[in-house]
Amino acid sequence: MNSTKKTARIVGILFLLVFITHILGTNIIETLTYAPDYLTSIAVNKSMWVTALLIMFVCCAGIIGIAIAIFPILRKYNLGVALAYLAFRMVESILFIITEIKVSSLLTLSEQYNKANTTLDPVFQVLGTTLQESRTWSFEIGMLFFCTAAFIFYFAFYKSKLLPRFLSIWGILGALFAFVATLFRLYEIEIPGLGIVLNLPIAANEIFLSFWLIFKGFNTTAHNKSYK
């Protein structure tokens, strides 16, 4: 029981860490990456840029940490689900790492742009746009893996009853809404405010889940049986 409670606290802290670093790192990177003057401003804000990338790498480490820490808990109920969750979170983390490696090239591009002759502006613009779009695609695909992993996570806990049913249902619906929001972005379907509305449930859920796991932990009275 003590081990399970300790695991719950670790997972809760990691969820909170991932949430904070993801929001902070992504906001800084996207503010600089998609600014109208990004080719000049990224190099000027080099320290902020590098800090944001490091924050995102901490986020990716936290994602992997969650998957590893929760694996023994999920394995007791269904090994296949535990492996699926681990796999999707690993791929999600790898995709986010690839995303940040890609976007880090914009710093070099910005530095070279600030040194180059203005006649080369069109070339830099094409390269910059290509890197922006490449970053967008890998990030959004990573989000699809995040949503799928979240669905698996909450479905597993709905079945095992290790978390309150309302929290699991909330997470399942939040994951589905976020999945739809990601598809909308991939297909470039723009409805003002809809993205925020669709992503808000899973964001609020993860904050609530973090504190629930830290202070309440898992339901240790749940039946210790595998589910099919």
Protein backbone atom coordinates (compact mmCIF):
# COMPACT_ATOMS: atom_id res chain seq x y z
CA MET A 1 0.00 0.00 0.00
CA ASN A 2 2.83 2.40 0.89
CA SER A 3 4.50 1.61 -2.44
CA THR A 4 1.28 2.30 -4.35
CA LYS A 5 0.77 5.59 -2.51
CA LYS A 6 4.35 6.63 -3.25
CA THR A 7 3.89 5.76 -6.93
CA ALA A 8 0.69 7.81 -7.06
CA ARG A 9 2.49 10.84 -5.64
CA ILE A 10 5.36 10.48 -8.10
CA VAL A 11 2.94 10.18 -11.04
CA GLY A 12 0.94 13.17 -9.77
CA ILE A 13 4.06 15.32 -9.48
CA LEU A 14 5.20 14.24 -12.96
CA PHE A 15 1.80 15.06 -14.48
CA LEU A 16 2.00 18.53 -12.92
CA LEU A 17 5.59 18.95 -14.13
CA VAL A 18 4.69 17.92 -17.68
CA PHE A 19 1.66 20.22 -17.74
CA ILE A 20 3.59 23.27 -16.53
CA THR A 21 6.66 22.71 -18.72
CA HIS A 22 4.55 21.92 -21.79
CA ILE A 23 2.47 25.09 -21.46
CA LEU A 24 5.46 27.29 -20.64
CA GLY A 25 7.89 25.87 -23.21
CA THR A 26 5.34 25.65 -26.03
CA ASN A 27 4.07 29.20 -25.48
CA ILE A 28 7.59 30.68 -25.61
CA ILE A 29 8.61 28.65 -28.67
CA GLU A 30 5.42 29.33 -30.60
CA THR A 31 5.50 33.04 -29.75
CA LEU A 32 8.99 33.30 -31.24
CA THR A 33 8.54 30.76 -34.06
CA TYR A 34 5.39 32.26 -35.54
CA ALA A 35 6.13 35.95 -34.91
CA PRO A 36 6.03 38.14 -38.06
CA ASP A 37 9.71 39.01 -37.59
CA TYR A 38 10.81 35.55 -36.42
CA LEU A 39 13.83 35.49 -38.74
CA THR A 40 15.37 38.39 -36.86
CA SER A 41 13.82 38.06 -33.39
CA ILE A 42 14.80 34.44 -32.65
CA ALA A 43 18.52 35.23 -32.75
CA VAL A 44 17.95 38.38 -30.71
CA ASN A 45 16.11 36.31 -28.07
CA LYS A 46 18.61 33.43 -28.12
CA SER A 47 18.68 32.93 -24.33
CA MET A 48 14.89 32.74 -24.14
CA TRP A 49 14.83 30.36 -27.11
CA VAL A 50 17.41 27.97 -25.64
CA THR A 51 15.68 28.07 -22.25
CA ALA A 52 12.35 27.17 -23.86
CA LEU A 53 13.94 24.21 -25.67
CA LEU A 54 15.46 22.95 -22.41
CA ILE A 55 12.06 23.30 -20.73
CA MET A 56 10.53 21.16 -23.48
CA PHE A 57 13.18 18.48 -23.04
CA VAL A 58 12.28 18.38 -19.32
CA CYS A 59 8.65 17.97 -20.41
CA CYS A 60 9.58 15.02 -22.64
CA ALA A 61 11.56 13.40 -19.83
CA GLY A 62 8.51 13.81 -17.58
CA ILE A 63 6.27 12.10 -20.15
CA ILE A 64 8.55 9.08 -20.24
CA GLY A 65 8.75 9.16 -16.44
CA ILE A 66 4.96 8.94 -16.14
CA ALA A 67 4.79 5.97 -18.50
CA ILE A 68 7.52 4.10 -16.61
CA ALA A 69 6.19 4.92 -13.13
CA ILE A 70 2.60 3.92 -13.91
CA PHE A 71 3.52 0.71 -15.77
CA PRO A 72 3.65 -1.57 -12.67
CA ILE A 73 0.22 -0.32 -11.59
CA LEU A 74 -1.43 -0.91 -14.97
CA ARG A 75 0.34 -4.25 -15.44
CA LYS A 76 -1.49 -5.70 -12.44
CA TYR A 77 -4.78 -5.20 -14.26
CA ASN A 78 -3.92 -5.74 -17.90
CA LEU A 79 -0.45 -6.18 -19.39
CA GLY A 80 -1.58 -5.34 -22.92
CA VAL A 81 -3.06 -2.01 -21.86
CA ALA A 82 0.04 -1.22 -19.79
CA LEU A 83 2.29 -1.90 -22.78
CA ALA A 84 0.05 0.12 -25.11
CA TYR A 85 0.12 3.11 -22.79
CA LEU A 86 3.89 2.86 -22.42
CA ALA A 87 4.35 2.62 -26.19
CA PHE A 88 2.11 5.58 -27.05
CA ARG A 89 3.73 7.81 -24.44
CA MET A 90 7.19 6.84 -25.61
CA VAL A 91 6.31 7.68 -29.23
CA GLU A 92 4.66 10.92 -28.10
CA SER A 93 7.82 11.94 -26.25
CA ILE A 94 10.05 11.01 -29.20
CA LEU A 95 7.89 13.04 -31.58
CA PHE A 96 8.05 16.07 -29.30
CA ILE A 97 11.83 15.70 -29.06
CA ILE A 98 12.03 15.53 -32.87
CA THR A 99 9.80 18.60 -33.01
CA GLU A 100 12.15 20.61 -30.83
CA ILE A 101 15.23 19.38 -32.71
CA LYS A 102 13.62 20.57 -35.94
CA VAL A 103 12.63 23.94 -34.53
CA SER A 104 16.10 24.46 -33.03
CA SER A 105 17.35 24.89 -36.61
CA LEU A 106 15.43 28.16 -36.74
CA LEU A 107 17.97 29.68 -34.33
CA THR A 108 20.82 28.99 -36.76
CA LEU A 109 18.69 30.23 -39.66
CA SER A 110 17.89 33.43 -37.78
CA GLU A 111 21.53 34.05 -36.95
CA GLN A 112 22.55 33.57 -40.58
CA TYR A 113 19.66 35.74 -41.78
CA ASN A 114 20.83 38.64 -39.63
CA LYS A 115 24.28 38.38 -41.22
CA ALA A 116 23.23 37.79 -44.83
CA ASN A 117 22.69 40.16 -47.72
CA THR A 118 19.08 41.26 -48.13
CA THR A 119 19.01 39.80 -51.66
CA LEU A 120 18.85 36.36 -50.03
CA ASP A 121 15.65 37.18 -48.13
CA PRO A 122 13.40 34.98 -50.34
CA VAL A 123 15.63 31.96 -49.74
CA PHE A 124 15.55 32.47 -45.98
CA GLN A 125 11.78 32.96 -46.07
CA VAL A 126 11.27 29.64 -47.87
CA LEU A 127 13.58 27.79 -45.48
CA GLY A 128 11.93 29.41 -42.48
CA THR A 129 8.42 28.56 -43.64
CA THR A 130 9.47 24.97 -44.33
CA LEU A 131 10.89 24.59 -40.81
CA GLN A 132 7.77 26.17 -39.32
CA GLU A 133 5.48 23.77 -41.15
CA SER A 134 7.69 20.80 -40.35
CA ARG A 135 7.53 21.70 -36.67
CA THR A 136 3.74 22.08 -36.84
CA TRP A 137 3.22 18.66 -38.41
CA SER A 138 5.43 16.71 -36.02
CA PHE A 139 3.94 18.54 -33.02
CA GLU A 140 0.35 17.82 -34.05
CA ILE A 141 1.10 14.15 -34.74
CA GLY A 142 2.66 14.02 -31.29
CA MET A 143 -0.59 15.44 -29.92
CA LEU A 144 -2.54 12.61 -31.60
CA PHE A 145 -0.38 10.12 -29.72
CA PHE A 146 -0.92 12.11 -26.51
CA CYS A 147 -4.70 11.97 -26.93
CA THR A 148 -4.64 8.24 -27.68
CA ALA A 149 -2.41 7.57 -24.66
CA ALA A 150 -4.73 9.65 -22.46
CA PHE A 151 -7.74 7.66 -23.68
CA ILE A 152 -5.96 4.36 -22.88
CA PHE A 153 -4.91 5.70 -19.46
CA TYR A 154 -8.38 6.77 -18.38
CA PHE A 155 -10.10 3.76 -19.88
CA ALA A 156 -7.74 1.52 -17.91
CA PHE A 157 -8.51 3.33 -14.68
CA TYR A 158 -12.23 3.35 -15.44
CA LYS A 159 -12.14 -0.43 -15.70
CA SER A 160 -9.83 -0.99 -12.72
CA LYS A 161 -11.62 1.57 -10.50
CA LEU A 162 -8.27 2.76 -9.17
CA LEU A 163 -9.52 6.28 -9.80
CA PRO A 164 -13.03 7.67 -9.21
CA ARG A 165 -15.32 6.96 -12.14
CA PHE A 166 -16.12 10.67 -12.65
CA LEU A 167 -12.41 11.43 -13.05
CA SER A 168 -11.92 8.62 -15.57
CA ILE A 169 -15.00 9.60 -17.62
CA TRP A 170 -13.87 13.22 -17.56
CA GLY A 171 -10.46 12.14 -18.87
CA ILE A 172 -11.90 9.91 -21.58
CA LEU A 173 -14.14 12.69 -22.90
CA GLY A 174 -11.32 15.22 -22.60
CA ALA A 175 -9.01 12.98 -24.64
CA LEU A 176 -11.64 12.57 -27.36
CA PHE A 177 -12.31 16.32 -27.52
CA ALA A 178 -8.56 17.07 -27.73
CA PHE A 179 -8.20 14.46 -30.48
CA VAL A 180 -10.93 16.22 -32.50
CA ALA A 181 -9.26 19.60 -31.89
CA THR A 182 -5.96 18.23 -33.21
CA LEU A 183 -7.66 16.85 -36.32
CA PHE A 184 -9.23 20.25 -36.92
CA ARG A 185 -5.78 21.87 -36.83
CA LEU A 186 -4.32 19.24 -39.16
CA TYR A 187 -7.13 19.76 -41.68
CA GLU A 188 -6.88 23.54 -41.15
CA ILE A 189 -10.50 23.83 -40.07
CA GLU A 190 -10.63 27.13 -38.22
CA ILE A 191 -13.55 27.94 -35.92
CA PRO A 192 -12.72 30.84 -33.57
CA GLY A 193 -12.43 29.69 -29.96
CA LEU A 194 -13.29 26.06 -30.67
CA GLY A 195 -9.75 24.80 -30.10
CA ILE A 196 -9.64 26.29 -26.62
CA VAL A 197 -13.06 24.87 -25.75
CA LEU A 198 -12.12 21.37 -26.95
CA ASN A 199 -8.74 21.33 -25.20
CA LEU A 200 -9.89 22.84 -21.92
CA PRO A 201 -11.45 19.63 -20.47
CA ILE A 202 -8.26 17.54 -20.73
CA ALA A 203 -6.12 20.42 -19.46
CA ALA A 204 -8.34 20.94 -16.41
CA ASN A 205 -8.51 17.19 -15.91
CA GLU A 206 -4.74 16.77 -15.79
CA ILE A 207 -4.38 19.52 -13.19
CA PHE A 208 -7.13 17.95 -11.08
CA LEU A 209 -5.64 14.49 -11.55
CA SER A 210 -2.20 15.70 -10.46
CA PHE A 211 -3.45 16.97 -7.11
CA TRP A 212 -5.75 13.96 -6.67
CA LEU A 213 -2.84 11.56 -7.05
CA ILE A 214 -0.57 13.63 -4.80
CA PHE A 215 -3.06 13.97 -1.94
CA LYS A 216 -5.51 11.08 -2.43
CA GLY A 217 -3.61 8.46 -4.42
CA PHE A 218 -5.12 5.39 -6.03
CA ASN A 219 -8.15 3.56 -4.71
CA THR A 220 -6.42 0.66 -2.95
CA THR A 221 -9.77 -0.98 -2.18
CA ALA A 222 -10.34 -1.68 -5.88
CA HIS A 223 -10.46 -5.36 -6.69
CA ASN A 224 -7.05 -6.67 -7.65
CA LYS A 225 -8.26 -8.45 -10.75
CA SER A 226 -7.30 -8.27 -14.40
CA TYR A 227 -9.87 -6.96 -16.85
CA LYS A 228 -10.36 -8.08 -20.40
